[in-house]
Amino acid sequence: MPRIMALPLLCVLFSSAVQAQVYRWIDANGSIHFSDIPPVLEAHSQVPVRPPATVPMNENIRQADRVSHHRKELDKLLAPNSKARYAKAERAQDARDKQCQKYRQQLDQLQARLRAGYGNDRGNNLRQQRRELSQSYSRECVLN
């Protein structure tokens, strides 16, 4: 039984990371040398060695999958015969066309009401509405 308990203790002792020392020195010719054994005759300095950085592999795989997925989507969008490439612009143009058609209909209705004849106050109000609609129509449909 004591041998079984001693086995994990020995594994822990022997598996601990051993820090190697690295030494640096410059010889008489001006060459820089590195070694794990310090030189006997040369003045030397100890080089600090940082432990290696480890990155979990599963996160790398997930990141690579995400990047490849985004690249595939981008390739689809940039394909020469892709309809998705211009879909957003087409939807915006369709919405703009509908709004312009709505402005034209409202302007036609206001013009018809003005032709029917109203008093000064009502006519001025209709002309003001027509002016505002005409400005919106010009700004959104004619200039764009």
C-alpha atoms as a PDB file:
ATOM      1  CA  MET A   1       0.000   0.000   0.000  1.00  0.00           C
ATOM      2  CA  PRO A   2       2.747   2.546   0.750  1.00  0.00           C
ATOM      3  CA  ARG A   3       4.248   1.856  -2.673  1.00  0.00           C
ATOM      4  CA  ILE A   4       0.970   2.671  -4.376  1.00  0.00           C
ATOM      5  CA  MET A   5       0.785   5.980  -2.496  1.00  0.00           C
ATOM      6  CA  ALA A   6       4.431   6.756  -3.277  1.00  0.00           C
ATOM      7  CA  LEU A   7       3.914   6.299  -7.012  1.00  0.00           C
ATOM      8  CA  PRO A   8       1.733   9.438  -7.514  1.00  0.00           C
ATOM      9  CA  LEU A   9       4.149  11.448  -5.376  1.00  0.00           C
ATOM     10  CA  LEU A  10       7.102  10.361  -7.522  1.00  0.00           C
ATOM     11  CA  CYS A  11       5.179  11.150 -10.722  1.00  0.00           C
ATOM     12  CA  VAL A  12       4.478  14.674  -9.502  1.00  0.00           C
ATOM     13  CA  LEU A  13       8.099  15.238  -8.497  1.00  0.00           C
ATOM     14  CA  PHE A  14       9.553  14.025 -11.784  1.00  0.00           C
ATOM     15  CA  SER A  15       6.961  15.625 -14.039  1.00  0.00           C
ATOM     16  CA  SER A  16       7.506  19.174 -12.779  1.00  0.00           C
ATOM     17  CA  ALA A  17       8.903  21.484 -15.424  1.00  0.00           C
ATOM     18  CA  VAL A  18      12.654  21.904 -15.313  1.00  0.00           C
ATOM     19  CA  GLN A  19      13.810  25.440 -15.970  1.00  0.00           C
ATOM     20  CA  ALA A  20      16.904  25.411 -18.144  1.00  0.00           C
ATOM     21  CA  GLN A  21      19.330  28.246 -17.738  1.00  0.00           C
ATOM     22  CA  VAL A  22      20.616  30.059 -20.799  1.00  0.00           C
ATOM     23  CA  TYR A  23      23.870  31.976 -20.736  1.00  0.00           C
ATOM     24  CA  ARG A  24      25.124  34.645 -23.127  1.00  0.00           C
ATOM     25  CA  TRP A  25      28.656  35.875 -23.661  1.00  0.00           C
ATOM     26  CA  ILE A  26      30.780  37.662 -26.221  1.00  0.00           C
ATOM     27  CA  ASP A  27      34.131  36.167 -27.184  1.00  0.00           C
ATOM     28  CA  ALA A  28      37.333  38.015 -28.069  1.00  0.00           C
ATOM     29  CA  ASN A  29      36.307  38.217 -31.774  1.00  0.00           C
ATOM     30  CA  GLY A  30      33.019  39.946 -30.902  1.00  0.00           C
ATOM     31  CA  SER A  31      30.811  36.914 -31.660  1.00  0.00           C
ATOM     32  CA  ILE A  32      27.811  36.395 -29.431  1.00  0.00           C
ATOM     33  CA  HIS A  33      27.338  32.901 -28.017  1.00  0.00           C
ATOM     34  CA  PHE A  34      24.422  31.237 -26.216  1.00  0.00           C
ATOM     35  CA  SER A  35      24.654  28.034 -24.212  1.00  0.00           C
ATOM     36  CA  ASP A  36      23.053  26.130 -21.356  1.00  0.00           C
ATOM     37  CA  ILE A  37      26.504  25.667 -19.816  1.00  0.00           C
ATOM     38  CA  PRO A  38      28.183  28.808 -18.479  1.00  0.00           C
ATOM     39  CA  PRO A  39      31.657  29.492 -19.893  1.00  0.00           C
ATOM     40  CA  VAL A  40      34.480  29.161 -17.430  1.00  0.00           C
ATOM     41  CA  LEU A  41      36.848  31.819 -18.746  1.00  0.00           C
ATOM     42  CA  GLU A  42      34.425  34.367 -20.257  1.00  0.00           C
ATOM     43  CA  ALA A  43      32.251  36.924 -18.491  1.00  0.00           C
ATOM     44  CA  HIS A  44      28.658  35.933 -19.112  1.00  0.00           C
ATOM     45  CA  SER A  45      25.105  36.933 -18.302  1.00  0.00           C
ATOM     46  CA  GLN A  46      22.037  34.836 -17.714  1.00  0.00           C
ATOM     47  CA  VAL A  47      19.228  35.215 -20.261  1.00  0.00           C
ATOM     48  CA  PRO A  48      15.689  35.071 -18.860  1.00  0.00           C
ATOM     49  CA  VAL A  49      13.662  32.396 -20.624  1.00  0.00           C
ATOM     50  CA  ARG A  50       9.922  32.818 -20.644  1.00  0.00           C
ATOM     51  CA  PRO A  51       7.700  29.760 -20.648  1.00  0.00           C
ATOM     52  CA  PRO A  52       6.088  29.009 -24.005  1.00  0.00           C
ATOM     53  CA  ALA A  53       2.619  30.378 -24.612  1.00  0.00           C
ATOM     54  CA  THR A  54       0.031  27.700 -25.205  1.00  0.00           C
ATOM     55  CA  VAL A  55      -3.263  28.219 -26.949  1.00  0.00           C
ATOM     56  CA  PRO A  56      -6.019  25.642 -26.632  1.00  0.00           C
ATOM     57  CA  MET A  57      -6.363  23.858 -29.945  1.00  0.00           C
ATOM     58  CA  ASN A  58     -10.153  23.619 -29.817  1.00  0.00           C
ATOM     59  CA  GLU A  59     -10.449  27.433 -29.852  1.00  0.00           C
ATOM     60  CA  ASN A  60      -8.162  27.569 -32.911  1.00  0.00           C
ATOM     61  CA  ILE A  61     -10.378  25.071 -34.699  1.00  0.00           C
ATOM     62  CA  ARG A  62     -13.534  27.025 -33.865  1.00  0.00           C
ATOM     63  CA  GLN A  63     -11.949  30.270 -35.020  1.00  0.00           C
ATOM     64  CA  ALA A  64     -10.787  28.654 -38.273  1.00  0.00           C
ATOM     65  CA  ASP A  65     -14.323  27.349 -38.867  1.00  0.00           C
ATOM     66  CA  ARG A  66     -15.783  30.822 -38.320  1.00  0.00           C
ATOM     67  CA  VAL A  67     -13.268  32.410 -40.681  1.00  0.00           C
ATOM     68  CA  SER A  68     -13.894  29.840 -43.410  1.00  0.00           C
ATOM     69  CA  HIS A  69     -17.667  30.297 -43.008  1.00  0.00           C
ATOM     70  CA  HIS A  70     -17.327  34.068 -43.435  1.00  0.00           C
ATOM     71  CA  ARG A  71     -15.065  33.604 -46.447  1.00  0.00           C
ATOM     72  CA  LYS A  72     -17.606  31.320 -48.111  1.00  0.00           C
ATOM     73  CA  GLU A  73     -20.372  33.874 -47.521  1.00  0.00           C
ATOM     74  CA  LEU A  74     -18.180  36.630 -48.931  1.00  0.00           C
ATOM     75  CA  ASP A  75     -17.336  34.530 -51.988  1.00  0.00           C
ATOM     76  CA  LYS A  76     -21.049  33.986 -52.593  1.00  0.00           C
ATOM     77  CA  LEU A  77     -21.706  37.715 -52.373  1.00  0.00           C
ATOM     78  CA  LEU A  78     -18.829  38.599 -54.688  1.00  0.00           C
ATOM     79  CA  ALA A  79     -19.587  35.951 -57.288  1.00  0.00           C
ATOM     80  CA  PRO A  80     -20.128  37.583 -60.714  1.00  0.00           C
ATOM     81  CA  ASN A  81     -23.626  36.176 -61.166  1.00  0.00           C
ATOM     82  CA  SER A  82     -24.715  36.544 -57.539  1.00  0.00           C
ATOM     83  CA  LYS A  83     -28.126  38.104 -57.015  1.00  0.00           C
ATOM     84  CA  ALA A  84     -27.485  38.562 -53.306  1.00  0.00           C
ATOM     85  CA  ARG A  85     -24.765  41.095 -54.121  1.00  0.00           C
ATOM     86  CA  TYR A  86     -27.260  43.680 -55.263  1.00  0.00           C
ATOM     87  CA  ALA A  87     -30.289  42.528 -53.262  1.00  0.00           C
ATOM     88  CA  LYS A  88     -29.962  45.185 -50.561  1.00  0.00           C
ATOM     89  CA  ALA A  89     -29.574  47.988 -53.089  1.00  0.00           C
ATOM     90  CA  GLU A  90     -32.532  46.661 -55.080  1.00  0.00           C
ATOM     91  CA  ARG A  91     -34.714  46.542 -51.960  1.00  0.00           C
ATOM     92  CA  ALA A  92     -33.755  50.123 -51.103  1.00  0.00           C
ATOM     93  CA  GLN A  93     -34.500  51.240 -54.680  1.00  0.00           C
ATOM     94  CA  ASP A  94     -37.897  49.479 -54.583  1.00  0.00           C
ATOM     95  CA  ALA A  95     -38.768  51.202 -51.298  1.00  0.00           C
ATOM     96  CA  ARG A  96     -37.686  54.559 -52.766  1.00  0.00           C
ATOM     97  CA  ASP A  97     -39.791  53.966 -55.881  1.00  0.00           C
ATOM     98  CA  LYS A  98     -42.851  53.157 -53.761  1.00  0.00           C
ATOM     99  CA  GLN A  99     -42.341  56.301 -51.693  1.00  0.00           C
ATOM    100  CA  CYS A 100     -41.959  58.402 -54.857  1.00  0.00           C
ATOM    101  CA  GLN A 101     -45.151  56.922 -56.286  1.00  0.00           C
ATOM    102  CA  LYS A 102     -46.923  57.775 -53.040  1.00  0.00           C
ATOM    103  CA  TYR A 103     -45.665  61.373 -53.227  1.00  0.00           C
ATOM    104  CA  ARG A 104     -46.893  61.680 -56.836  1.00  0.00           C
ATOM    105  CA  GLN A 105     -50.354  60.396 -55.905  1.00  0.00           C
ATOM    106  CA  GLN A 106     -50.590  62.798 -52.967  1.00  0.00           C
ATOM    107  CA  LEU A 107     -49.467  65.704 -55.155  1.00  0.00           C
ATOM    108  CA  ASP A 108     -52.082  64.777 -57.781  1.00  0.00           C
ATOM    109  CA  GLN A 109     -54.800  64.638 -55.123  1.00  0.00           C
ATOM    110  CA  LEU A 110     -53.788  68.012 -53.699  1.00  0.00           C
ATOM    111  CA  GLN A 111     -53.714  69.534 -57.184  1.00  0.00           C
ATOM    112  CA  ALA A 112     -57.211  68.192 -57.897  1.00  0.00           C
ATOM    113  CA  ARG A 113     -58.497  69.610 -54.610  1.00  0.00           C
ATOM    114  CA  LEU A 114     -56.940  72.982 -55.409  1.00  0.00           C
ATOM    115  CA  ARG A 115     -58.629  73.030 -58.818  1.00  0.00           C
ATOM    116  CA  ALA A 116     -61.990  72.352 -57.176  1.00  0.00           C
ATOM    117  CA  GLY A 117     -61.773  75.783 -55.541  1.00  0.00           C
ATOM    118  CA  TYR A 118     -61.640  76.643 -51.894  1.00  0.00           C
ATOM    119  CA  GLY A 119     -61.645  79.782 -49.848  1.00  0.00           C
ATOM    120  CA  ASN A 120     -58.417  81.646 -49.079  1.00  0.00           C
ATOM    121  CA  ASP A 121     -57.677  79.905 -45.798  1.00  0.00           C
ATOM    122  CA  ARG A 122     -58.347  76.408 -47.116  1.00  0.00           C
ATOM    123  CA  GLY A 123     -56.498  77.129 -50.377  1.00  0.00           C
ATOM    124  CA  ASN A 124     -53.467  78.480 -48.535  1.00  0.00           C
ATOM    125  CA  ASN A 125     -53.387  75.368 -46.362  1.00  0.00           C
ATOM    126  CA  LEU A 126     -53.545  73.104 -49.435  1.00  0.00           C
ATOM    127  CA  ARG A 127     -50.808  75.093 -51.189  1.00  0.00           C
ATOM    128  CA  GLN A 128     -48.611  74.781 -48.078  1.00  0.00           C
ATOM    129  CA  GLN A 129     -49.137  70.985 -48.079  1.00  0.00           C
ATOM    130  CA  ARG A 130     -48.347  70.873 -51.793  1.00  0.00           C
ATOM    131  CA  ARG A 131     -45.154  72.892 -51.246  1.00  0.00           C
ATOM    132  CA  GLU A 132     -43.962  70.530 -48.449  1.00  0.00           C
ATOM    133  CA  LEU A 133     -44.809  67.423 -50.486  1.00  0.00           C
ATOM    134  CA  SER A 134     -43.109  68.856 -53.549  1.00  0.00           C
ATOM    135  CA  GLN A 135     -39.938  69.555 -51.527  1.00  0.00           C
ATOM    136  CA  SER A 136     -39.931  66.019 -50.108  1.00  0.00           C
ATOM    137  CA  TYR A 137     -40.507  64.583 -53.576  1.00  0.00           C
ATOM    138  CA  SER A 138     -37.649  66.644 -55.023  1.00  0.00           C
ATOM    139  CA  ARG A 139     -35.268  65.788 -52.199  1.00  0.00           C
ATOM    140  CA  GLU A 140     -35.948  62.039 -52.137  1.00  0.00           C
ATOM    141  CA  CYS A 141     -36.892  61.238 -55.734  1.00  0.00           C
ATOM    142  CA  VAL A 142     -35.459  63.791 -58.109  1.00  0.00           C
ATOM    143  CA  LEU A 143     -32.094  64.540 -56.508  1.00  0.00           C
ATOM    144  CA  ASN A 144     -31.273  60.920 -55.570  1.00  0.00           C
END
